[in-house]
Amino acid sequence: MDLQALKVFQTVVKAGSITRAAQELNYAQSNVTTKIQQLETMYQTTLFYRHNRGITLTTKGQLLLGYVERISHLIDETEKAMKDDHTPKGPLRLGSMETTAAVRLPRLLSQYHHLYPDVDLSLVTGPTEQHVQGVLQYELDGAFVAGPIDHPDLIQKVVIEEKLVLITDKIHPPLCSLGDIRTRTLLVFRAGCSYRAKLQQWMHQEGIIDPKIMEFGTLEAILGCVSAGLGVSLLPFSVIEKHVQSSTLTYHSIPEPYSSVQTLFIRRKDAITTTALARFMDMMSEAGHESID
């Protein structure tokens, strides 16, 4: 098996064209074409449809891509295992919801970085759905997401029990029912956010269909716009507690099951647990629900 040819194939798929793949690999375009032809000859099949807009994977090409990604992952795992001398070092790629990263993780991450400076720690923030896919595709070593999560390839651990509340500007009167905000704009993270999904599910259950939605990329933007009276949002109380105390926001309690959510730490079952990841999970467990706050 020509591993180099498989790497070229994978690069062509990601780049979307042979020309861009050749540039990325710093190869002559003819060399890339030859590698693809060698694979097609070896497997006696066509891997790409060629057309004016570029290339598209055939059914067999899609099948091969799945195997190549698994082979690539195994090679990476082998390298990690061989280099792991039980000293925390190397990359540690984590994902987190924006809210968890802003309120729950700073102290833990700071302590971890102080204890293990040789670990190249990176944190990506985004919605739950994005991080689940990131872990499943081996792009992240672990992630903090909102539960429940049900996937056979994932290990999950409950780390935080959150209380969700509806937030409005400080002059908004008390809510008697969800109908009181029927005409208000929902200020939410992009699709894939579990809090957004829960709010929309609640509204749909109450017969409020197709509410007006405004998407934001950061927690600060949502909090600022709610405070300014632009709309309402659903967020963990821990995130807005300081804003309530400073009288810049008002929160409203909501009924079960919409007011409870678990924050989970997920990782793949078949991924190697590096020393860097193991130490992080140890610290996370030792911190407990209170000290991670």
Protein backbone atom coordinates (compact mmCIF):
# COMPACT_ATOMS: atom_id res chain seq x y z
CA MET A 1 0.00 0.00 0.00
CA ASP A 2 1.39 3.41 -1.05
CA LEU A 3 0.76 5.64 1.95
CA GLN A 4 2.07 8.66 0.07
CA ALA A 5 -0.48 8.13 -2.69
CA LEU A 6 -3.24 7.89 -0.09
CA LYS A 7 -2.07 11.16 1.44
CA VAL A 8 -2.15 12.79 -1.99
CA PHE A 9 -5.67 11.44 -2.54
CA GLN A 10 -6.82 12.84 0.81
CA THR A 11 -5.28 16.23 0.05
CA VAL A 12 -6.98 16.36 -3.36
CA VAL A 13 -10.35 15.69 -1.71
CA LYS A 14 -9.85 18.42 0.89
CA ALA A 15 -8.46 20.92 -1.61
CA GLY A 16 -11.24 20.29 -4.13
CA SER A 17 -8.94 20.19 -7.13
CA ILE A 18 -5.69 18.66 -8.31
CA THR A 19 -4.20 22.09 -8.93
CA ARG A 20 -4.81 23.33 -5.39
CA ALA A 21 -3.64 20.01 -3.94
CA ALA A 22 -0.38 20.26 -5.90
CA GLN A 23 0.17 23.77 -4.54
CA GLU A 24 -0.53 22.65 -0.98
CA LEU A 25 1.80 19.64 -1.26
CA ASN A 26 4.41 21.61 -3.23
CA TYR A 27 4.27 18.97 -5.96
CA ALA A 28 4.15 19.26 -9.71
CA GLN A 29 0.56 18.89 -10.88
CA SER A 30 1.57 15.95 -13.06
CA ASN A 31 2.90 14.12 -10.00
CA VAL A 32 -0.43 14.49 -8.22
CA THR A 33 -2.29 13.26 -11.28
CA THR A 34 0.06 10.26 -11.53
CA LYS A 35 -0.53 9.32 -7.88
CA ILE A 36 -4.30 9.40 -8.38
CA GLN A 37 -4.02 7.32 -11.54
CA GLN A 38 -1.86 4.78 -9.69
CA LEU A 39 -4.56 4.39 -7.05
CA GLU A 40 -7.28 4.02 -9.66
CA THR A 41 -5.20 1.38 -11.44
CA MET A 42 -4.43 -0.46 -8.20
CA TYR A 43 -8.08 -0.59 -7.13
CA GLN A 44 -9.42 -0.89 -10.69
CA THR A 45 -11.97 1.85 -10.17
CA THR A 46 -12.60 5.53 -10.82
CA LEU A 47 -12.13 7.69 -7.74
CA PHE A 48 -13.15 11.09 -9.13
CA TYR A 49 -15.57 12.48 -11.67
CA ARG A 50 -13.79 15.20 -13.64
CA HIS A 51 -15.87 18.19 -14.79
CA ASN A 52 -15.52 21.89 -15.60
CA ARG A 53 -15.99 22.95 -11.98
CA GLY A 54 -13.29 20.60 -10.73
CA ILE A 55 -13.67 17.09 -9.33
CA THR A 56 -16.26 15.11 -7.38
CA LEU A 57 -15.77 11.86 -5.51
CA THR A 58 -17.36 8.75 -6.95
CA THR A 59 -19.05 6.25 -4.65
CA LYS A 60 -15.84 4.22 -4.54
CA GLY A 61 -13.88 7.41 -3.91
CA GLN A 62 -16.08 8.20 -0.91
CA LEU A 63 -15.53 4.67 0.39
CA LEU A 64 -11.77 4.98 0.02
CA LEU A 65 -11.78 8.37 1.76
CA GLY A 66 -13.36 6.80 4.84
CA TYR A 67 -10.62 4.18 5.01
CA VAL A 68 -7.87 6.75 4.35
CA GLU A 69 -9.11 8.93 7.21
CA ARG A 70 -9.09 5.92 9.53
CA ILE A 71 -5.57 4.96 8.39
CA SER A 72 -4.39 8.56 8.87
CA HIS A 73 -5.87 8.60 12.36
CA LEU A 74 -4.18 5.29 13.26
CA ILE A 75 -0.82 6.63 12.08
CA ASP A 76 -1.29 9.74 14.24
CA GLU A 77 -2.32 7.59 17.19
CA THR A 78 0.72 5.36 16.72
CA GLU A 79 3.03 8.38 16.72
CA LYS A 80 1.38 9.74 19.88
CA ALA A 81 1.66 6.40 21.65
CA MET A 82 5.31 5.93 20.72
CA LYS A 83 6.29 9.45 21.78
CA ASP A 84 4.27 9.49 24.99
CA ASP A 85 6.75 9.08 27.85
CA HIS A 86 4.17 9.87 30.54
CA THR A 87 5.25 13.50 30.66
CA PRO A 88 2.45 15.93 29.71
CA LYS A 89 3.53 17.60 26.48
CA GLY A 90 2.51 18.03 22.88
CA PRO A 91 -0.86 19.19 21.54
CA LEU A 92 -4.08 19.06 23.52
CA ARG A 93 -7.05 20.22 21.44
CA LEU A 94 -10.21 20.99 23.38
CA GLY A 95 -13.60 22.34 22.42
CA SER A 96 -16.10 24.20 24.56
CA MET A 97 -19.37 26.02 24.38
CA GLU A 98 -18.90 29.79 24.51
CA THR A 99 -20.72 30.02 27.86
CA THR A 100 -18.65 27.30 29.54
CA ALA A 101 -15.40 28.77 28.27
CA ALA A 102 -16.31 32.24 29.54
CA VAL A 103 -17.43 31.31 33.05
CA ARG A 104 -16.40 27.80 34.02
CA LEU A 105 -13.01 27.11 32.47
CA PRO A 106 -10.62 30.06 32.95
CA ARG A 107 -9.31 28.95 36.35
CA LEU A 108 -8.94 25.32 35.35
CA LEU A 109 -7.15 26.15 32.09
CA SER A 110 -4.86 28.61 33.86
CA GLN A 111 -3.88 26.07 36.51
CA TYR A 112 -3.31 23.40 33.90
CA HIS A 113 -1.12 25.67 31.77
CA HIS A 114 0.89 26.67 34.83
CA LEU A 115 1.51 23.05 35.82
CA TYR A 116 2.18 21.71 32.32
CA PRO A 117 3.72 24.48 30.19
CA ASP A 118 5.04 21.97 27.64
CA VAL A 119 1.50 21.09 26.58
CA ASP A 120 0.38 23.02 23.52
CA LEU A 121 -3.12 23.69 24.79
CA SER A 122 -5.70 25.04 22.35
CA LEU A 123 -9.38 25.79 22.93
CA VAL A 124 -12.01 26.15 20.22
CA THR A 125 -15.37 27.67 21.17
CA GLY A 126 -18.61 26.96 19.37
CA PRO A 127 -21.95 25.14 19.58
CA THR A 128 -22.42 21.62 20.88
CA GLU A 129 -23.11 20.10 17.47
CA GLN A 130 -19.83 21.45 16.09
CA HIS A 131 -17.83 19.97 18.96
CA VAL A 132 -19.50 16.57 18.80
CA GLN A 133 -18.47 16.35 15.15
CA GLY A 134 -15.01 17.64 15.98
CA VAL A 135 -14.47 14.87 18.52
CA LEU A 136 -15.95 12.20 16.26
CA GLN A 137 -13.66 13.27 13.40
CA TYR A 138 -10.56 13.25 15.68
CA GLU A 139 -10.15 17.02 15.30
CA LEU A 140 -10.57 17.51 19.05
CA ASP A 141 -9.24 15.40 21.92
CA GLY A 142 -12.24 16.29 24.04
CA ALA A 143 -14.98 18.89 24.38
CA PHE A 144 -17.39 20.47 26.83
CA VAL A 145 -20.89 20.19 25.37
CA ALA A 146 -24.49 20.32 26.54
CA GLY A 147 -26.26 17.04 27.21
CA PRO A 148 -27.83 14.75 26.57
CA ILE A 149 -25.53 13.16 23.99
CA ASP A 150 -26.21 9.67 22.70
CA HIS A 151 -23.52 8.28 20.42
CA PRO A 152 -21.92 4.81 20.59
CA ASP A 153 -18.43 6.12 19.80
CA LEU A 154 -18.30 8.67 22.62
CA ILE A 155 -17.42 8.52 26.30
CA GLN A 156 -19.10 11.23 28.35
CA LYS A 157 -18.78 12.57 31.89
CA VAL A 158 -21.14 15.03 33.58
CA VAL A 159 -19.07 17.95 34.90
CA ILE A 160 -21.64 20.69 35.57
CA GLU A 161 -25.37 20.90 36.26
CA GLU A 162 -26.63 24.20 34.87
CA LYS A 163 -29.83 26.16 35.53
CA LEU A 164 -31.13 27.94 32.44
CA VAL A 165 -33.01 31.23 32.70
CA LEU A 166 -34.65 33.58 30.24
CA ILE A 167 -32.94 36.97 30.18
CA THR A 168 -34.31 40.37 29.19
CA ASP A 169 -33.33 44.01 29.61
CA LYS A 170 -33.59 45.39 33.16
CA ILE A 171 -36.87 47.29 32.59
CA HIS A 172 -38.79 44.28 31.25
CA PRO A 173 -41.78 43.43 33.46
CA PRO A 174 -42.12 39.98 35.05
CA LEU A 175 -43.25 37.23 32.71
CA CYS A 176 -46.60 35.57 33.26
CA SER A 177 -46.15 33.16 30.38
CA LEU A 178 -43.99 32.56 27.34
CA GLY A 179 -46.60 34.42 25.32
CA ASP A 180 -45.35 37.65 26.90
CA ILE A 181 -42.28 37.48 24.64
CA ARG A 182 -44.10 36.17 21.56
CA THR A 183 -43.09 39.20 19.47
CA ARG A 184 -39.57 39.60 20.87
CA THR A 185 -36.49 38.71 18.85
CA LEU A 186 -34.51 35.68 20.04
CA LEU A 187 -30.82 36.49 20.39
CA VAL A 188 -28.99 33.19 20.02
CA PHE A 189 -25.82 31.45 18.93
CA ARG A 190 -25.76 29.86 15.51
CA ALA A 191 -27.53 26.59 14.68
CA GLY A 192 -26.16 23.66 16.66
CA CYS A 193 -26.35 25.48 20.00
CA SER A 194 -28.23 23.37 22.54
CA TYR A 195 -29.58 26.41 24.43
CA ARG A 196 -31.04 27.77 21.21
CA ALA A 197 -32.59 24.39 20.41
CA LYS A 198 -34.13 24.17 23.88
CA LEU A 199 -35.61 27.68 23.63
CA GLN A 200 -37.10 26.97 20.21
CA GLN A 201 -38.45 23.63 21.40
CA TRP A 202 -40.14 25.35 24.34
CA MET A 203 -41.66 28.03 22.11
CA HIS A 204 -42.89 25.45 19.62
CA GLN A 205 -44.47 23.48 22.47
CA GLU A 206 -46.31 26.64 23.51
CA GLY A 207 -47.58 27.20 19.96
CA ILE A 208 -45.17 30.00 19.05
CA ILE A 209 -44.07 29.15 15.52
CA ASP A 210 -41.25 30.77 13.52
CA PRO A 211 -40.09 33.41 16.02
CA LYS A 212 -37.77 36.12 14.78
CA ILE A 213 -34.16 35.05 15.32
CA MET A 214 -30.91 37.00 15.33
CA GLU A 215 -27.67 34.99 15.42
CA PHE A 216 -24.49 36.04 17.21
CA GLY A 217 -20.99 34.63 17.36
CA THR A 218 -20.02 35.69 20.88
CA LEU A 219 -21.53 35.65 24.34
CA GLU A 220 -20.58 39.29 24.91
CA ALA A 221 -22.60 40.36 21.88
CA ILE A 222 -25.72 38.52 23.07
CA LEU A 223 -25.47 39.94 26.60
CA GLY A 224 -24.87 43.46 25.32
CA CYS A 225 -27.79 43.37 22.90
CA VAL A 226 -30.18 41.87 25.47
CA SER A 227 -29.16 44.60 27.90
CA ALA A 228 -29.86 47.20 25.22
CA GLY A 229 -33.38 45.84 24.70
CA LEU A 230 -32.85 44.28 21.29
CA GLY A 231 -34.35 40.93 22.28
CA VAL A 232 -34.31 38.02 24.73
CA SER A 233 -32.16 34.93 25.21
CA LEU A 234 -31.87 31.67 27.15
CA LEU A 235 -28.58 31.16 28.99
CA PRO A 236 -27.16 29.48 32.11
CA PHE A 237 -27.68 31.53 35.27
CA SER A 238 -23.96 31.26 36.04
CA VAL A 239 -23.24 33.27 32.89
CA ILE A 240 -25.54 36.18 33.70
CA GLU A 241 -25.31 36.27 37.52
CA LYS A 242 -22.85 39.18 37.64
CA HIS A 243 -24.92 41.13 35.14
CA VAL A 244 -28.02 40.65 37.29
CA GLN A 245 -26.12 41.83 40.36
CA SER A 246 -24.99 44.94 38.49
CA SER A 247 -28.59 45.52 37.32
CA THR A 248 -27.80 45.43 33.61
CA LEU A 249 -30.06 42.42 32.97
CA THR A 250 -33.17 40.79 34.36
CA TYR A 251 -33.68 37.05 34.50
CA HIS A 252 -36.89 35.04 34.57
CA SER A 253 -37.21 31.49 35.88
CA ILE A 254 -38.57 28.93 33.44
CA PRO A 255 -40.29 25.57 33.95
CA GLU A 256 -38.81 22.09 33.75
CA PRO A 257 -37.65 20.38 31.62
CA TYR A 258 -36.37 23.51 29.90
CA SER A 259 -34.54 24.95 32.91
CA SER A 260 -32.06 22.11 33.46
CA VAL A 261 -29.09 21.14 31.34
CA GLN A 262 -25.94 19.14 31.95
CA THR A 263 -22.52 20.14 30.69
CA LEU A 264 -20.61 17.05 29.61
CA PHE A 265 -16.99 16.36 28.76
CA ILE A 266 -16.89 14.02 25.77
CA ARG A 267 -14.12 12.12 23.99
CA ARG A 268 -13.87 9.24 21.55
CA LYS A 269 -13.82 5.71 22.91
CA ASP A 270 -11.18 4.53 20.45
CA ALA A 271 -8.83 7.52 20.71
CA ILE A 272 -5.62 7.19 22.67
CA THR A 273 -5.62 8.97 26.02
CA THR A 274 -2.38 10.89 25.98
CA THR A 275 -0.71 11.86 29.22
CA ALA A 276 -1.65 15.48 28.51
CA LEU A 277 -5.34 14.57 28.22
CA ALA A 278 -5.21 12.22 31.22
CA ARG A 279 -3.77 14.98 33.45
CA PHE A 280 -6.41 17.42 32.25
CA MET A 281 -9.22 14.99 33.06
CA ASP A 282 -7.66 14.31 36.48
CA MET A 283 -7.60 18.03 37.25
CA MET A 284 -11.16 18.39 35.99
CA SER A 285 -12.32 15.62 38.32
CA GLU A 286 -10.37 16.97 41.29
CA ALA A 287 -11.75 20.46 40.76
CA GLY A 288 -15.31 19.18 41.01
CA HIS A 289 -18.38 21.17 40.12
CA GLU A 290 -17.64 24.03 42.48
CA SER A 291 -13.98 24.83 41.89
CA ILE A 292 -14.33 24.63 38.11
CA ASP A 293 -16.79 27.51 38.51
